[in-house]
Amino acid sequence: MAGEPWLAVTQVRSGIGTKPKHRGTLRALGLGRIGRTNVLPDRPEIRGMIARVPHLVDVRELTDDDRTGGGA
């Protein structure tokens, strides 16, 4: 769908030593290692997962051009 918002979620801190729910949330976001990035749709469910682990991830909002490589 054109114009659908997307988020680039990058893990910036380790999940070691965090609560099991935090580690599970990282896995649900498609992360697991520092530096790994996953592009996800900007939906309330995803925002809720990010809100659980804001200290472990970095979030960037993407446009369709960013997500698809800016094809012209």
PDB file of N, CA and C in Angstrom:
ATOM      1  N   MET A   1       0.835  -1.178   0.000  1.00  0.00           N
ATOM      2  CA  MET A   1       0.000   0.000   0.000  1.00  0.00           C
ATOM      3  C   MET A   1       0.881   1.242   0.000  1.00  0.00           C
ATOM      4  N   ALA A   2       0.573   2.157  -0.866  1.00  0.00           N
ATOM      5  CA  ALA A   2       1.367   3.374  -0.960  1.00  0.00           C
ATOM      6  C   ALA A   2       1.119   4.261   0.255  1.00  0.00           C
ATOM      7  N   GLY A   3       2.178   4.826   0.768  1.00  0.00           N
ATOM      8  CA  GLY A   3       2.069   5.744   1.881  1.00  0.00           C
ATOM      9  C   GLY A   3       1.960   5.101   3.251  1.00  0.00           C
ATOM     10  N   GLU A   4       2.010   3.776   3.312  1.00  0.00           N
ATOM     11  CA  GLU A   4       1.930   3.104   4.613  1.00  0.00           C
ATOM     12  C   GLU A   4       3.211   3.381   5.391  1.00  0.00           C
ATOM     13  N   PRO A   5       3.106   3.815   6.645  1.00  0.00           N
ATOM     14  CA  PRO A   5       4.314   4.119   7.421  1.00  0.00           C
ATOM     15  C   PRO A   5       5.042   2.850   7.865  1.00  0.00           C
ATOM     16  N   TRP A   6       6.364   2.928   7.909  1.00  0.00           N
ATOM     17  CA  TRP A   6       7.203   1.804   8.309  1.00  0.00           C
ATOM     18  C   TRP A   6       8.206   2.275   9.356  1.00  0.00           C
ATOM     19  N   LEU A   7       8.686   1.357  10.148  1.00  0.00           N
ATOM     20  CA  LEU A   7       9.670   1.649  11.181  1.00  0.00           C
ATOM     21  C   LEU A   7      10.887   0.760  10.986  1.00  0.00           C
ATOM     22  N   ALA A   8      12.062   1.347  11.105  1.00  0.00           N
ATOM     23  CA  ALA A   8      13.300   0.568  11.129  1.00  0.00           C
ATOM     24  C   ALA A   8      13.702   0.467  12.591  1.00  0.00           C
ATOM     25  N   VAL A   9      13.681  -0.736  13.124  1.00  0.00           N
ATOM     26  CA  VAL A   9      13.989  -0.970  14.533  1.00  0.00           C
ATOM     27  C   VAL A   9      15.351  -1.656  14.600  1.00  0.00           C
ATOM     28  N   THR A  10      16.299  -1.029  15.311  1.00  0.00           N
ATOM     29  CA  THR A  10      17.655  -1.555  15.435  1.00  0.00           C
ATOM     30  C   THR A  10      17.950  -1.829  16.900  1.00  0.00           C
ATOM     31  N   GLN A  11      18.482  -3.003  17.184  1.00  0.00           N
ATOM     32  CA  GLN A  11      18.869  -3.326  18.550  1.00  0.00           C
ATOM     33  C   GLN A  11      20.206  -2.657  18.845  1.00  0.00           C
ATOM     34  N   VAL A  12      20.268  -1.872  19.927  1.00  0.00           N
ATOM     35  CA  VAL A  12      21.485  -1.146  20.271  1.00  0.00           C
ATOM     36  C   VAL A  12      22.106  -1.612  21.584  1.00  0.00           C
ATOM     37  N   ARG A  13      21.372  -2.381  22.374  1.00  0.00           N
ATOM     38  CA  ARG A  13      21.905  -2.915  23.628  1.00  0.00           C
ATOM     39  C   ARG A  13      21.549  -4.380  23.750  1.00  0.00           C
ATOM     40  N   SER A  14      22.321  -5.087  24.536  1.00  0.00           N
ATOM     41  CA  SER A  14      22.142  -6.520  24.702  1.00  0.00           C
ATOM     42  C   SER A  14      20.915  -6.838  25.555  1.00  0.00           C
ATOM     43  N   GLY A  15      20.312  -7.971  25.241  1.00  0.00           N
ATOM     44  CA  GLY A  15      19.194  -8.457  26.040  1.00  0.00           C
ATOM     45  C   GLY A  15      19.642  -9.305  27.210  1.00  0.00           C
ATOM     46  N   ILE A  16      20.946  -9.561  27.319  1.00  0.00           N
ATOM     47  CA  ILE A  16      21.472 -10.355  28.427  1.00  0.00           C
ATOM     48  C   ILE A  16      21.233  -9.602  29.730  1.00  0.00           C
ATOM     49  N   GLY A  17      20.708 -10.291  30.703  1.00  0.00           N
ATOM     50  CA  GLY A  17      20.464  -9.683  32.012  1.00  0.00           C
ATOM     51  C   GLY A  17      19.137  -8.960  32.108  1.00  0.00           C
ATOM     52  N   THR A  18      18.373  -8.932  31.019  1.00  0.00           N
ATOM     53  CA  THR A  18      17.061  -8.290  31.071  1.00  0.00           C
ATOM     54  C   THR A  18      16.007  -9.338  31.439  1.00  0.00           C
ATOM     55  N   LYS A  19      14.813  -8.877  31.661  1.00  0.00           N
ATOM     56  CA  LYS A  19      13.714  -9.778  32.017  1.00  0.00           C
ATOM     57  C   LYS A  19      13.375 -10.683  30.832  1.00  0.00           C
ATOM     58  N   PRO A  20      12.897 -11.877  31.096  1.00  0.00           N
ATOM     59  CA  PRO A  20      12.522 -12.788  30.001  1.00  0.00           C
ATOM     60  C   PRO A  20      11.504 -12.185  29.025  1.00  0.00           C
ATOM     61  N   LYS A  21      10.580 -11.381  29.529  1.00  0.00           N
ATOM     62  CA  LYS A  21       9.601 -10.751  28.634  1.00  0.00           C
ATOM     63  C   LYS A  21      10.282  -9.786  27.671  1.00  0.00           C
ATOM     64  N   HIS A  22      11.337  -9.107  28.140  1.00  0.00           N
ATOM     65  CA  HIS A  22      12.068  -8.189  27.255  1.00  0.00           C
ATOM     66  C   HIS A  22      12.779  -8.969  26.165  1.00  0.00           C
ATOM     67  N   ARG A  23      13.387 -10.085  26.528  1.00  0.00           N
ATOM     68  CA  ARG A  23      14.078 -10.910  25.531  1.00  0.00           C
ATOM     69  C   ARG A  23      13.079 -11.463  24.513  1.00  0.00           C
ATOM     70  N   GLY A  24      11.922 -11.875  24.994  1.00  0.00           N
ATOM     71  CA  GLY A  24      10.884 -12.370  24.093  1.00  0.00           C
ATOM     72  C   GLY A  24      10.379 -11.288  23.153  1.00  0.00           C
ATOM     73  N   THR A  25      10.276 -10.074  23.649  1.00  0.00           N
ATOM     74  CA  THR A  25       9.841  -8.960  22.818  1.00  0.00           C
ATOM     75  C   THR A  25      10.860  -8.671  21.729  1.00  0.00           C
ATOM     76  N   LEU A  26      12.148  -8.734  22.067  1.00  0.00           N
ATOM     77  CA  LEU A  26      13.181  -8.549  21.048  1.00  0.00           C
ATOM     78  C   LEU A  26      13.043  -9.595  19.947  1.00  0.00           C
ATOM     79  N   ARG A  27      12.810 -10.847  20.342  1.00  0.00           N
ATOM     80  CA  ARG A  27      12.660 -11.916  19.349  1.00  0.00           C
ATOM     81  C   ARG A  27      11.421 -11.670  18.489  1.00  0.00           C
ATOM     82  N   ALA A  28      10.338 -11.213  19.110  1.00  0.00           N
ATOM     83  CA  ALA A  28       9.107 -10.945  18.370  1.00  0.00           C
ATOM     84  C   ALA A  28       9.293  -9.799  17.373  1.00  0.00           C
ATOM     85  N   LEU A  29      10.196  -8.880  17.689  1.00  0.00           N
ATOM     86  CA  LEU A  29      10.505  -7.782  16.772  1.00  0.00           C
ATOM     87  C   LEU A  29      11.476  -8.204  15.675  1.00  0.00           C
ATOM     88  N   GLY A  30      11.949  -9.449  15.739  1.00  0.00           N
ATOM     89  CA  GLY A  30      12.875  -9.940  14.729  1.00  0.00           C
ATOM     90  C   GLY A  30      14.314  -9.557  15.005  1.00  0.00           C
ATOM     91  N   LEU A  31      14.610  -9.264  16.261  1.00  0.00           N
ATOM     92  CA  LEU A  31      15.955  -8.870  16.648  1.00  0.00           C
ATOM     93  C   LEU A  31      16.577  -9.977  17.484  1.00  0.00           C
ATOM     94  N   GLY A  32      17.766  -9.770  17.987  1.00  0.00           N
ATOM     95  CA  GLY A  32      18.404 -10.780  18.813  1.00  0.00           C
ATOM     96  C   GLY A  32      19.880 -10.515  18.995  1.00  0.00           C
ATOM     97  N   ARG A  33      20.443  -9.681  18.142  1.00  0.00           N
ATOM     98  CA  ARG A  33      21.855  -9.335  18.264  1.00  0.00           C
ATOM     99  C   ARG A  33      22.003  -7.829  18.132  1.00  0.00           C
ATOM    100  N   ILE A  34      22.987  -7.275  18.794  1.00  0.00           N
ATOM    101  CA  ILE A  34      23.246  -5.852  18.700  1.00  0.00           C
ATOM    102  C   ILE A  34      23.577  -5.517  17.248  1.00  0.00           C
ATOM    103  N   GLY A  35      22.973  -4.456  16.748  1.00  0.00           N
ATOM    104  CA  GLY A  35      23.221  -4.016  15.382  1.00  0.00           C
ATOM    105  C   GLY A  35      22.242  -4.562  14.365  1.00  0.00           C
ATOM    106  N   ARG A  36      21.455  -5.548  14.732  1.00  0.00           N
ATOM    107  CA  ARG A  36      20.483  -6.115  13.802  1.00  0.00           C
ATOM    108  C   ARG A  36      19.307  -5.155  13.640  1.00  0.00           C
ATOM    109  N   THR A  37      18.871  -4.965  12.398  1.00  0.00           N
ATOM    110  CA  THR A  37      17.774  -4.058  12.089  1.00  0.00           C
ATOM    111  C   THR A  37      16.662  -4.832  11.401  1.00  0.00           C
ATOM    112  N   ASN A  38      15.434  -4.480  11.726  1.00  0.00           N
ATOM    113  CA  ASN A  38      14.274  -5.084  11.072  1.00  0.00           C
ATOM    114  C   ASN A  38      13.318  -3.961  10.704  1.00  0.00           C
ATOM    115  N   VAL A  39      12.746  -4.040   9.507  1.00  0.00           N
ATOM    116  CA  VAL A  39      11.770  -3.047   9.047  1.00  0.00           C
ATOM    117  C   VAL A  39      10.382  -3.624   9.267  1.00  0.00           C
ATOM    118  N   LEU A  40       9.582  -2.883  10.030  1.00  0.00           N
ATOM    119  CA  LEU A  40       8.261  -3.356  10.432  1.00  0.00           C
ATOM    120  C   LEU A  40       7.214  -2.294  10.128  1.00  0.00           C
ATOM    121  N   PRO A  41       5.959  -2.702   9.897  1.00  0.00           N
ATOM    122  CA  PRO A  41       4.899  -1.711   9.679  1.00  0.00           C
ATOM    123  C   PRO A  41       4.623  -0.938  10.967  1.00  0.00           C
ATOM    124  N   ASP A  42       4.265   0.324  10.805  1.00  0.00           N
ATOM    125  CA  ASP A  42       3.976   1.182  11.957  1.00  0.00           C
ATOM    126  C   ASP A  42       2.526   0.951  12.382  1.00  0.00           C
ATOM    127  N   ARG A  43       2.353  -0.026  13.286  1.00  0.00           N
ATOM    128  CA  ARG A  43       1.024  -0.384  13.793  1.00  0.00           C
ATOM    129  C   ARG A  43       1.051  -0.315  15.312  1.00  0.00           C
ATOM    130  N   PRO A  44      -0.119  -0.203  15.940  1.00  0.00           N
ATOM    131  CA  PRO A  44      -0.166  -0.109  17.400  1.00  0.00           C
ATOM    132  C   PRO A  44       0.498  -1.300  18.105  1.00  0.00           C
ATOM    133  N   GLU A  45       0.378  -2.505  17.542  1.00  0.00           N
ATOM    134  CA  GLU A  45       0.984  -3.678  18.180  1.00  0.00           C
ATOM    135  C   GLU A  45       2.504  -3.559  18.210  1.00  0.00           C
ATOM    136  N   ILE A  46       3.070  -3.094  17.112  1.00  0.00           N
ATOM    137  CA  ILE A  46       4.521  -2.930  17.016  1.00  0.00           C
ATOM    138  C   ILE A  46       4.979  -1.813  17.944  1.00  0.00           C
ATOM    139  N   ARG A  47       4.241  -0.706  17.965  1.00  0.00           N
ATOM    140  CA  ARG A  47       4.581   0.409  18.863  1.00  0.00           C
ATOM    141  C   ARG A  47       4.538  -0.047  20.320  1.00  0.00           C
ATOM    142  N   GLY A  48       3.601  -0.905  20.657  1.00  0.00           N
ATOM    143  CA  GLY A  48       3.504  -1.420  22.021  1.00  0.00           C
ATOM    144  C   GLY A  48       4.702  -2.268  22.389  1.00  0.00           C
ATOM    145  N   MET A  49       5.175  -3.099  21.447  1.00  0.00           N
ATOM    146  CA  MET A  49       6.362  -3.915  21.707  1.00  0.00           C
ATOM    147  C   MET A  49       7.594  -3.025  21.879  1.00  0.00           C
ATOM    148  N   ILE A  50       7.684  -1.999  21.054  1.00  0.00           N
ATOM    149  CA  ILE A  50       8.823  -1.078  21.156  1.00  0.00           C
ATOM    150  C   ILE A  50       8.775  -0.339  22.494  1.00  0.00           C
ATOM    151  N   ALA A  51       7.582   0.003  22.959  1.00  0.00           N
ATOM    152  CA  ALA A  51       7.432   0.705  24.234  1.00  0.00           C
ATOM    153  C   ALA A  51       7.891  -0.153  25.409  1.00  0.00           C
ATOM    154  N   ARG A  52       7.892  -1.473  25.253  1.00  0.00           N
ATOM    155  CA  ARG A  52       8.337  -2.368  26.314  1.00  0.00           C
ATOM    156  C   ARG A  52       9.865  -2.389  26.431  1.00  0.00           C
ATOM    157  N   VAL A  53      10.564  -2.143  25.312  1.00  0.00           N
ATOM    158  CA  VAL A  53      12.032  -2.254  25.313  1.00  0.00           C
ATOM    159  C   VAL A  53      12.720  -1.007  24.720  1.00  0.00           C
ATOM    160  N   PRO A  54      12.300   0.196  25.095  1.00  0.00           N
ATOM    161  CA  PRO A  54      12.898   1.386  24.464  1.00  0.00           C
ATOM    162  C   PRO A  54      14.377   1.559  24.796  1.00  0.00           C
ATOM    163  N   HIS A  55      14.817   0.983  25.912  1.00  0.00           N
ATOM    164  CA  HIS A  55      16.209   1.094  26.342  1.00  0.00           C
ATOM    165  C   HIS A  55      17.128   0.150  25.570  1.00  0.00           C
ATOM    166  N   LEU A  56      16.555  -0.758  24.776  1.00  0.00           N
ATOM    167  CA  LEU A  56      17.343  -1.734  24.031  1.00  0.00           C
ATOM    168  C   LEU A  56      17.354  -1.482  22.527  1.00  0.00           C
ATOM    169  N   VAL A  57      16.457  -0.620  22.037  1.00  0.00           N
ATOM    170  CA  VAL A  57      16.326  -0.431  20.599  1.00  0.00           C
ATOM    171  C   VAL A  57      16.369   1.039  20.204  1.00  0.00           C
ATOM    172  N   ASP A  58      16.660   1.253  18.918  1.00  0.00           N
ATOM    173  CA  ASP A  58      16.605   2.578  18.314  1.00  0.00           C
ATOM    174  C   ASP A  58      15.583   2.481  17.186  1.00  0.00           C
ATOM    175  N   VAL A  59      14.683   3.460  17.090  1.00  0.00           N
ATOM    176  CA  VAL A  59      13.597   3.405  16.117  1.00  0.00           C
ATOM    177  C   VAL A  59      13.708   4.591  15.169  1.00  0.00           C
ATOM    178  N   ARG A  60      13.550   4.294  13.876  1.00  0.00           N
ATOM    179  CA  ARG A  60      13.588   5.324  12.848  1.00  0.00           C
ATOM    180  C   ARG A  60      12.369   5.135  11.959  1.00  0.00           C
ATOM    181  N   GLU A  61      11.649   6.228  11.673  1.00  0.00           N
ATOM    182  CA  GLU A  61      10.491   6.156  10.789  1.00  0.00           C
ATOM    183  C   GLU A  61      10.974   6.243   9.351  1.00  0.00           C
ATOM    184  N   LEU A  62      10.422   5.385   8.491  1.00  0.00           N
ATOM    185  CA  LEU A  62      10.822   5.331   7.096  1.00  0.00           C
ATOM    186  C   LEU A  62       9.689   5.778   6.193  1.00  0.00           C
ATOM    187  N   THR A  63      10.067   6.327   5.047  1.00  0.00           N
ATOM    188  CA  THR A  63       9.105   6.601   3.991  1.00  0.00           C
ATOM    189  C   THR A  63       9.141   5.423   3.031  1.00  0.00           C
ATOM    190  N   ASP A  64       8.236   5.393   2.087  1.00  0.00           N
ATOM    191  CA  ASP A  64       8.237   4.318   1.090  1.00  0.00           C
ATOM    192  C   ASP A  64       9.541   4.330   0.293  1.00  0.00           C
ATOM    193  N   ASP A  65      10.071   5.527   0.004  1.00  0.00           N
ATOM    194  CA  ASP A  65      11.334   5.611  -0.752  1.00  0.00           C
ATOM    195  C   ASP A  65      12.477   4.997   0.033  1.00  0.00           C
ATOM    196  N   ASP A  66      12.531   5.236   1.352  1.00  0.00           N
ATOM    197  CA  ASP A  66      13.584   4.646   2.191  1.00  0.00           C
ATOM    198  C   ASP A  66      13.463   3.130   2.187  1.00  0.00           C
ATOM    199  N   ARG A  67      12.252   2.625   2.296  1.00  0.00           N
ATOM    200  CA  ARG A  67      12.025   1.195   2.430  1.00  0.00           C
ATOM    201  C   ARG A  67      12.319   0.432   1.143  1.00  0.00           C
ATOM    202  N   THR A  68      11.974   1.026   0.004  1.00  0.00           N
ATOM    203  CA  THR A  68      12.125   0.337  -1.270  1.00  0.00           C
ATOM    204  C   THR A  68      13.424   0.673  -1.981  1.00  0.00           C
ATOM    205  N   GLY A  69      14.216   1.559  -1.432  1.00  0.00           N
ATOM    206  CA  GLY A  69      15.474   1.919  -2.074  1.00  0.00           C
ATOM    207  C   GLY A  69      15.370   3.156  -2.942  1.00  0.00           C
ATOM    208  N   GLY A  70      14.257   3.887  -2.877  1.00  0.00           N
ATOM    209  CA  GLY A  70      14.121   5.145  -3.611  1.00  0.00           C
ATOM    210  C   GLY A  70      14.008   4.979  -5.112  1.00  0.00           C
ATOM    211  N   GLY A  71      13.464   3.881  -5.552  1.00  0.00           N
ATOM    212  CA  GLY A  71      13.380   3.601  -6.997  1.00  0.00           C
ATOM    213  C   GLY A  71      12.641   4.667  -7.771  1.00  0.00           C
ATOM    214  N   ALA A  72      13.265   5.148  -8.842  1.00  0.00           N
ATOM    215  CA  ALA A  72      12.622   6.145  -9.705  1.00  0.00           C
ATOM    216  C   ALA A  72      12.492   5.604 -11.104  1.00  0.00           C
TER     217      ALA A  72
END
